[in-house]
N, C-alpha and C. Protein backbone atom coordinates (compact mmCIF):
# COMPACT_ATOMS: atom_id res chain seq x y z
N MET A 1 -1.80 116.85 10.34
CA MET A 1 -1.76 116.30 11.59
C MET A 1 -3.07 115.74 11.95
N THR A 2 -3.15 114.49 12.36
CA THR A 2 -4.42 113.93 12.77
C THR A 2 -4.47 113.87 14.27
N VAL A 3 -5.72 114.19 14.78
CA VAL A 3 -5.97 114.16 16.20
C VAL A 3 -7.14 113.23 16.52
N ALA A 4 -7.00 112.44 17.52
CA ALA A 4 -8.11 111.56 17.89
C ALA A 4 -9.31 112.37 18.26
N PRO A 5 -10.56 111.84 17.95
CA PRO A 5 -11.71 112.56 18.23
C PRO A 5 -11.88 112.89 19.70
N GLY A 6 -12.20 114.09 20.04
CA GLY A 6 -12.30 114.56 21.41
C GLY A 6 -11.04 114.91 22.07
N ALA A 7 -9.83 114.73 21.46
CA ALA A 7 -8.58 115.09 22.03
C ALA A 7 -8.16 116.38 21.49
N ALA A 8 -7.55 117.19 22.32
CA ALA A 8 -7.03 118.48 21.96
C ALA A 8 -5.68 118.30 21.27
N PRO A 9 -5.39 119.09 20.25
CA PRO A 9 -4.05 118.97 19.63
C PRO A 9 -2.94 119.42 20.55
N ALA A 10 -1.82 118.76 20.50
CA ALA A 10 -0.71 119.04 21.36
C ALA A 10 -0.10 120.37 20.93
N ARG A 11 0.14 121.23 21.93
CA ARG A 11 0.74 122.48 21.64
C ARG A 11 2.18 122.46 22.01
N PRO A 12 3.02 122.92 21.11
CA PRO A 12 4.45 122.90 21.51
C PRO A 12 4.77 123.94 22.54
N GLY A 13 5.64 123.62 23.51
CA GLY A 13 6.07 124.55 24.51
C GLY A 13 7.06 125.51 23.94
N PRO A 14 7.58 126.31 24.78
CA PRO A 14 8.63 127.27 24.34
C PRO A 14 9.87 126.51 23.90
N ALA A 15 10.56 127.11 22.95
CA ALA A 15 11.77 126.43 22.44
C ALA A 15 12.83 126.39 23.47
N PRO A 16 13.53 125.25 23.56
CA PRO A 16 14.58 125.11 24.54
C PRO A 16 15.72 126.10 24.21
N GLU A 17 16.47 126.56 25.23
CA GLU A 17 17.58 127.35 25.08
C GLU A 17 18.68 126.62 24.27
N PRO A 18 19.37 127.30 23.41
CA PRO A 18 20.47 126.65 22.67
C PRO A 18 21.60 126.31 23.64
N SER A 19 22.26 125.21 23.35
CA SER A 19 23.36 124.85 24.20
C SER A 19 24.56 125.78 24.02
N ARG A 20 25.47 125.70 24.97
CA ARG A 20 26.68 126.55 24.87
C ARG A 20 27.46 126.17 23.64
N ARG A 21 27.52 124.91 23.31
CA ARG A 21 28.27 124.43 22.16
C ARG A 21 27.61 125.01 20.93
N GLY A 22 26.34 125.03 20.82
CA GLY A 22 25.66 125.57 19.65
C GLY A 22 25.89 127.06 19.49
N ARG A 23 25.89 127.76 20.57
CA ARG A 23 26.16 129.20 20.50
C ARG A 23 27.53 129.54 20.09
N VAL A 24 28.52 128.73 20.57
CA VAL A 24 29.90 128.94 20.20
C VAL A 24 30.09 128.63 18.68
N LEU A 25 29.55 127.50 18.28
CA LEU A 25 29.65 127.12 16.85
C LEU A 25 29.04 128.18 15.96
N SER A 26 27.88 128.72 16.36
CA SER A 26 27.25 129.74 15.66
C SER A 26 28.09 131.00 15.52
N ALA A 27 28.72 131.37 16.65
CA ALA A 27 29.57 132.60 16.61
C ALA A 27 30.80 132.36 15.77
N LEU A 28 31.34 131.12 15.80
CA LEU A 28 32.55 130.85 14.98
C LEU A 28 32.17 130.88 13.49
N ALA A 29 30.95 130.35 13.17
CA ALA A 29 30.52 130.38 11.79
C ALA A 29 30.27 131.81 11.27
N VAL A 30 29.73 132.63 12.15
CA VAL A 30 29.54 134.07 11.71
C VAL A 30 30.86 134.75 11.55
N ALA A 31 31.80 134.46 12.45
CA ALA A 31 33.14 135.06 12.38
C ALA A 31 33.84 134.65 11.04
N GLY A 32 33.72 133.37 10.77
CA GLY A 32 34.29 132.83 9.50
C GLY A 32 33.59 133.46 8.30
N LEU A 33 32.29 133.60 8.37
CA LEU A 33 31.58 134.25 7.25
C LEU A 33 31.94 135.76 7.14
N GLY A 34 32.36 136.37 8.23
CA GLY A 34 32.83 137.76 8.18
C GLY A 34 34.07 137.90 7.35
N VAL A 35 35.02 136.93 7.53
CA VAL A 35 36.19 136.94 6.74
C VAL A 35 35.83 136.64 5.27
N VAL A 36 34.96 135.71 5.03
CA VAL A 36 34.51 135.36 3.64
C VAL A 36 33.82 136.64 3.04
N ALA A 37 33.11 137.40 3.83
CA ALA A 37 32.41 138.60 3.29
C ALA A 37 33.38 139.59 2.75
N VAL A 38 34.50 139.79 3.45
CA VAL A 38 35.55 140.73 2.92
C VAL A 38 36.09 140.24 1.66
N VAL A 39 36.37 138.91 1.56
CA VAL A 39 36.99 138.29 0.34
C VAL A 39 35.95 138.45 -0.80
N VAL A 40 34.66 138.12 -0.53
CA VAL A 40 33.66 138.22 -1.59
C VAL A 40 33.50 139.64 -2.09
N ALA A 41 33.56 140.60 -1.16
CA ALA A 41 33.36 142.01 -1.55
C ALA A 41 34.52 142.47 -2.41
N VAL A 42 35.76 142.13 -2.06
CA VAL A 42 36.89 142.51 -2.88
C VAL A 42 36.92 141.85 -4.21
N ALA A 43 36.65 140.54 -4.18
CA ALA A 43 36.60 139.81 -5.49
C ALA A 43 35.46 140.30 -6.35
N GLY A 44 34.32 140.56 -5.76
CA GLY A 44 33.19 141.09 -6.56
C GLY A 44 33.54 142.51 -7.15
N ALA A 45 34.23 143.28 -6.43
CA ALA A 45 34.63 144.60 -6.93
C ALA A 45 35.49 144.53 -8.17
N PHE A 46 36.29 143.53 -8.31
CA PHE A 46 37.11 143.37 -9.47
C PHE A 46 36.48 142.51 -10.53
N VAL A 47 35.54 141.61 -10.14
CA VAL A 47 34.91 140.73 -11.15
C VAL A 47 33.74 141.32 -11.81
N HIS A 48 33.09 142.34 -11.23
CA HIS A 48 31.76 142.83 -11.72
C HIS A 48 31.92 143.47 -13.18
N ARG A 49 33.12 143.75 -13.64
CA ARG A 49 33.27 144.32 -14.97
C ARG A 49 33.65 143.23 -15.96
N TRP A 50 33.83 142.03 -15.53
CA TRP A 50 34.32 140.92 -16.43
C TRP A 50 33.16 140.42 -17.20
N ASN A 51 33.27 140.24 -18.53
CA ASN A 51 32.36 139.64 -19.40
C ASN A 51 30.91 140.01 -19.06
N ASN A 52 30.49 141.13 -19.56
CA ASN A 52 29.33 141.94 -19.14
C ASN A 52 28.25 141.27 -18.28
N PRO A 53 27.45 140.39 -18.77
CA PRO A 53 26.43 139.88 -17.82
C PRO A 53 26.91 138.86 -16.74
N ALA A 54 27.93 138.03 -17.11
CA ALA A 54 28.41 137.03 -16.21
C ALA A 54 29.13 137.60 -14.99
N GLY A 55 29.93 138.67 -15.20
CA GLY A 55 30.67 139.19 -14.11
C GLY A 55 29.78 139.80 -13.01
N ILE A 56 28.80 140.59 -13.47
CA ILE A 56 27.90 141.23 -12.53
C ILE A 56 27.04 140.24 -11.82
N MET A 57 26.64 139.16 -12.55
CA MET A 57 25.81 138.11 -11.91
C MET A 57 26.65 137.35 -10.85
N LEU A 58 27.95 137.10 -11.12
CA LEU A 58 28.76 136.47 -10.15
C LEU A 58 29.02 137.35 -8.94
N ALA A 59 29.22 138.61 -9.15
CA ALA A 59 29.45 139.52 -8.00
C ALA A 59 28.25 139.74 -7.15
N VAL A 60 27.10 139.94 -7.72
CA VAL A 60 25.85 140.15 -6.94
C VAL A 60 25.40 138.82 -6.39
N GLY A 61 25.55 137.76 -7.12
CA GLY A 61 25.19 136.39 -6.65
C GLY A 61 26.05 135.99 -5.49
N GLY A 62 27.28 136.36 -5.52
CA GLY A 62 28.16 136.04 -4.29
C GLY A 62 27.74 136.75 -3.07
N ALA A 63 27.25 137.99 -3.19
CA ALA A 63 26.79 138.79 -2.08
C ALA A 63 25.50 138.19 -1.49
N VAL A 64 24.58 137.81 -2.42
CA VAL A 64 23.30 137.19 -1.97
C VAL A 64 23.54 135.85 -1.39
N ALA A 65 24.42 135.02 -1.97
CA ALA A 65 24.76 133.70 -1.39
C ALA A 65 25.39 133.90 -0.03
N LEU A 66 26.18 134.88 0.20
CA LEU A 66 26.80 135.15 1.48
C LEU A 66 25.74 135.47 2.50
N GLY A 67 24.78 136.28 2.12
CA GLY A 67 23.64 136.59 3.06
C GLY A 67 22.82 135.37 3.38
N VAL A 68 22.59 134.52 2.39
CA VAL A 68 21.79 133.32 2.69
C VAL A 68 22.58 132.35 3.66
N LEU A 69 23.86 132.30 3.43
CA LEU A 69 24.67 131.47 4.40
C LEU A 69 24.69 132.08 5.76
N ALA A 70 24.76 133.37 5.83
CA ALA A 70 24.76 134.09 7.11
C ALA A 70 23.42 133.86 7.81
N ARG A 71 22.34 133.87 7.01
CA ARG A 71 20.98 133.67 7.62
C ARG A 71 20.88 132.22 8.20
N SER A 72 21.50 131.23 7.57
CA SER A 72 21.38 129.86 8.13
C SER A 72 22.32 129.66 9.32
N CYS A 73 23.42 130.41 9.46
CA CYS A 73 24.36 130.18 10.52
C CYS A 73 24.11 131.09 11.71
N ALA A 74 23.58 132.26 11.51
CA ALA A 74 23.43 133.27 12.59
C ALA A 74 22.23 132.85 13.50
N ARG A 75 22.32 133.28 14.73
CA ARG A 75 21.20 133.00 15.69
C ARG A 75 20.38 134.27 15.93
N SER A 76 20.85 135.41 15.33
CA SER A 76 20.06 136.65 15.45
C SER A 76 20.42 137.52 14.22
N ARG A 77 19.59 138.61 14.14
CA ARG A 77 19.79 139.50 13.05
C ARG A 77 21.10 140.25 13.22
N ALA A 78 21.67 140.30 14.43
CA ALA A 78 22.95 140.96 14.60
C ALA A 78 24.04 140.26 13.87
N GLY A 79 24.04 138.95 13.87
CA GLY A 79 25.01 138.18 13.10
C GLY A 79 24.93 138.45 11.61
N ILE A 80 23.73 138.53 11.12
CA ILE A 80 23.55 138.84 9.69
C ILE A 80 24.05 140.22 9.39
N ALA A 81 23.79 141.19 10.27
CA ALA A 81 24.17 142.58 10.13
C ALA A 81 25.69 142.65 10.10
N VAL A 82 26.37 141.88 10.94
CA VAL A 82 27.85 141.96 11.01
C VAL A 82 28.36 141.48 9.70
N VAL A 83 27.86 140.44 9.12
CA VAL A 83 28.34 139.93 7.83
C VAL A 83 28.05 140.99 6.69
N ALA A 84 26.85 141.60 6.78
CA ALA A 84 26.50 142.56 5.72
C ALA A 84 27.41 143.83 5.82
N VAL A 85 27.67 144.24 7.03
CA VAL A 85 28.55 145.45 7.15
C VAL A 85 30.01 145.09 6.71
N LEU A 86 30.49 143.88 7.05
CA LEU A 86 31.82 143.50 6.60
C LEU A 86 31.85 143.31 5.10
N TRP A 87 30.77 143.14 4.38
CA TRP A 87 30.74 143.13 2.93
C TRP A 87 30.68 144.56 2.42
N LEU A 88 29.95 145.39 3.09
CA LEU A 88 29.65 146.77 2.58
C LEU A 88 30.86 147.70 2.79
N VAL A 89 31.59 147.56 3.84
CA VAL A 89 32.78 148.45 4.08
C VAL A 89 33.87 148.35 2.99
N PRO A 90 34.29 147.17 2.58
CA PRO A 90 35.32 147.16 1.48
C PRO A 90 34.73 147.61 0.16
N VAL A 91 33.46 147.40 -0.06
CA VAL A 91 32.87 147.83 -1.34
C VAL A 91 32.80 149.37 -1.36
N LEU A 92 32.40 150.00 -0.30
CA LEU A 92 32.42 151.47 -0.25
C LEU A 92 33.82 152.04 -0.29
N TRP A 93 34.74 151.37 0.34
CA TRP A 93 36.11 151.86 0.39
C TRP A 93 36.69 151.74 -1.04
N LEU A 94 36.44 150.68 -1.76
CA LEU A 94 36.97 150.52 -3.12
C LEU A 94 36.19 151.45 -4.14
N GLY A 95 35.10 151.95 -3.73
CA GLY A 95 34.35 152.94 -4.63
C GLY A 95 34.78 154.35 -4.42
N GLN A 96 35.60 154.59 -3.39
CA GLN A 96 36.10 155.96 -3.11
C GLN A 96 37.14 156.35 -4.19
N GLU A 97 37.31 157.61 -4.37
CA GLU A 97 38.27 158.14 -5.42
C GLU A 97 39.63 158.30 -4.70
N PRO A 98 40.62 157.48 -5.03
CA PRO A 98 41.93 157.58 -4.42
C PRO A 98 42.75 158.68 -5.13
N PRO A 99 43.84 159.14 -4.56
CA PRO A 99 44.62 160.22 -5.14
C PRO A 99 45.10 159.93 -6.57
N GLY A 100 45.31 158.64 -6.97
CA GLY A 100 45.84 158.31 -8.25
C GLY A 100 44.70 158.30 -9.37
N GLU A 101 43.46 158.57 -9.00
CA GLU A 101 42.39 158.54 -9.96
C GLU A 101 42.04 157.20 -10.52
N ASP A 102 42.48 156.14 -9.92
CA ASP A 102 42.20 154.76 -10.37
C ASP A 102 41.24 154.08 -9.40
N ARG A 103 39.92 154.22 -9.75
CA ARG A 103 38.93 153.61 -8.86
C ARG A 103 38.68 152.18 -9.31
N VAL A 104 38.22 151.34 -8.41
CA VAL A 104 37.89 149.98 -8.77
C VAL A 104 36.42 149.92 -9.15
N ILE A 105 35.56 150.56 -8.33
CA ILE A 105 34.12 150.55 -8.61
C ILE A 105 33.81 151.95 -9.06
N LEU A 106 33.41 152.05 -10.33
CA LEU A 106 33.05 153.41 -10.96
C LEU A 106 31.60 153.66 -10.71
N GLY A 107 31.21 154.87 -11.03
CA GLY A 107 29.81 155.36 -10.77
C GLY A 107 28.99 155.10 -12.08
N ASP A 108 29.33 154.16 -12.88
CA ASP A 108 28.51 153.86 -14.05
C ASP A 108 27.52 152.69 -13.81
N GLU A 109 26.87 152.20 -14.87
CA GLU A 109 25.87 151.19 -14.66
C GLU A 109 26.32 149.96 -13.96
N ALA A 110 27.45 149.39 -14.40
CA ALA A 110 27.97 148.16 -13.80
C ALA A 110 28.30 148.35 -12.30
N GLY A 111 28.96 149.44 -11.99
CA GLY A 111 29.38 149.70 -10.60
C GLY A 111 28.16 149.91 -9.69
N LEU A 112 27.15 150.65 -10.23
CA LEU A 112 25.93 150.84 -9.39
C LEU A 112 25.10 149.63 -9.25
N VAL A 113 25.08 148.79 -10.29
CA VAL A 113 24.29 147.55 -10.13
C VAL A 113 24.96 146.63 -9.14
N PHE A 114 26.25 146.63 -9.14
CA PHE A 114 27.01 145.80 -8.12
C PHE A 114 26.77 146.31 -6.72
N LEU A 115 26.88 147.67 -6.56
CA LEU A 115 26.75 148.23 -5.22
C LEU A 115 25.30 148.08 -4.75
N PHE A 116 24.36 148.52 -5.52
CA PHE A 116 22.93 148.51 -5.06
C PHE A 116 22.31 147.07 -5.09
N GLY A 117 22.78 146.27 -6.03
CA GLY A 117 22.31 144.85 -6.05
C GLY A 117 22.79 144.01 -4.87
N GLY A 118 24.01 144.13 -4.56
CA GLY A 118 24.58 143.43 -3.41
C GLY A 118 23.96 143.94 -2.14
N THR A 119 23.86 145.27 -1.96
CA THR A 119 23.35 145.89 -0.77
C THR A 119 21.85 145.55 -0.57
N THR A 120 21.09 145.61 -1.67
CA THR A 120 19.69 145.14 -1.58
C THR A 120 19.52 143.73 -1.25
N GLY A 121 20.28 142.82 -1.82
CA GLY A 121 20.19 141.46 -1.51
C GLY A 121 20.53 141.18 -0.06
N LEU A 122 21.47 141.76 0.49
CA LEU A 122 21.82 141.60 1.93
C LEU A 122 20.79 142.28 2.80
N ALA A 123 20.15 143.40 2.38
CA ALA A 123 19.11 143.99 3.21
C ALA A 123 17.88 143.13 3.23
N VAL A 124 17.57 142.48 2.14
CA VAL A 124 16.38 141.59 2.11
C VAL A 124 16.68 140.39 3.03
N VAL A 125 17.85 139.84 3.00
CA VAL A 125 18.16 138.71 3.91
C VAL A 125 18.09 139.21 5.38
N LEU A 126 18.59 140.39 5.65
CA LEU A 126 18.53 140.96 6.96
C LEU A 126 17.07 141.14 7.42
N GLY A 127 16.25 141.61 6.51
CA GLY A 127 14.79 141.79 6.80
C GLY A 127 14.07 140.50 7.03
N LEU A 128 14.53 139.39 6.41
CA LEU A 128 13.90 138.12 6.63
C LEU A 128 14.22 137.53 7.99
N GLY A 129 15.31 137.93 8.55
CA GLY A 129 15.74 137.43 9.85
C GLY A 129 16.35 136.01 9.84
N VAL A 130 16.47 135.42 10.96
CA VAL A 130 17.06 134.07 11.01
C VAL A 130 16.02 133.02 10.80
N GLU A 131 16.46 131.86 10.36
CA GLU A 131 15.57 130.69 10.11
C GLU A 131 15.19 130.15 11.45
N ALA A 132 13.94 129.66 11.52
CA ALA A 132 13.48 128.92 12.75
C ALA A 132 14.18 127.61 12.81
N ARG A 133 14.67 127.27 13.94
CA ARG A 133 15.42 125.98 14.10
C ARG A 133 14.41 124.93 14.67
N SER A 134 14.49 123.77 14.13
CA SER A 134 13.68 122.69 14.61
C SER A 134 14.22 122.12 15.91
N THR A 135 13.31 121.72 16.77
CA THR A 135 13.76 121.11 18.08
C THR A 135 13.77 119.58 17.98
N ARG A 136 13.37 119.05 16.82
CA ARG A 136 13.32 117.65 16.70
C ARG A 136 14.75 117.11 16.56
N ARG A 137 14.97 115.86 17.08
CA ARG A 137 16.25 115.20 16.85
C ARG A 137 16.30 114.68 15.44
N VAL A 138 17.50 114.74 14.86
CA VAL A 138 17.67 114.17 13.50
C VAL A 138 17.97 112.69 13.74
N THR A 139 17.23 111.86 13.06
CA THR A 139 17.45 110.42 13.20
C THR A 139 17.98 109.86 11.95
C-alpha cells in the first residue's frame, strides 16, 4: 500500500452488518452441509476399510473437506460446530456394539484412525473459526 507523503493511511471502519439475504443463505448452506455431514459420516464408516490406504484417506479426507466447506459457508463457529456434531453422532452410533455383534466401526487401527482423524480434522477447523469476509465489491 502506498501512501502520499504526509498523509495518514486510511483505516477501515467496522465491517458492515451482513444483509438478511446473506444470513439466510448462510443458514441454508449450513443446513445443507448438515445433511451432507450425515451422509459423509455413514459413507466414511463403510468406506474406511476398503483398499487399505485409499479407503481411510477417502473417509478422513471427506470429513476434513466437509469441515473446510462448513468454514467457508458458516458465519460463526456455531455453524461449524453443528456440522461437526452432525458428522460425529452417526460415527459414534455406528461404532456402538449392537445386539447382533456386527459393528461397522471396530476398535482396531483402521476404525480408530477414521474416528480420531475425522474428529481431529473437524476440531482443527472449528478452532480456526470462520473466514474473514471481504467488504469489497466483486467487479
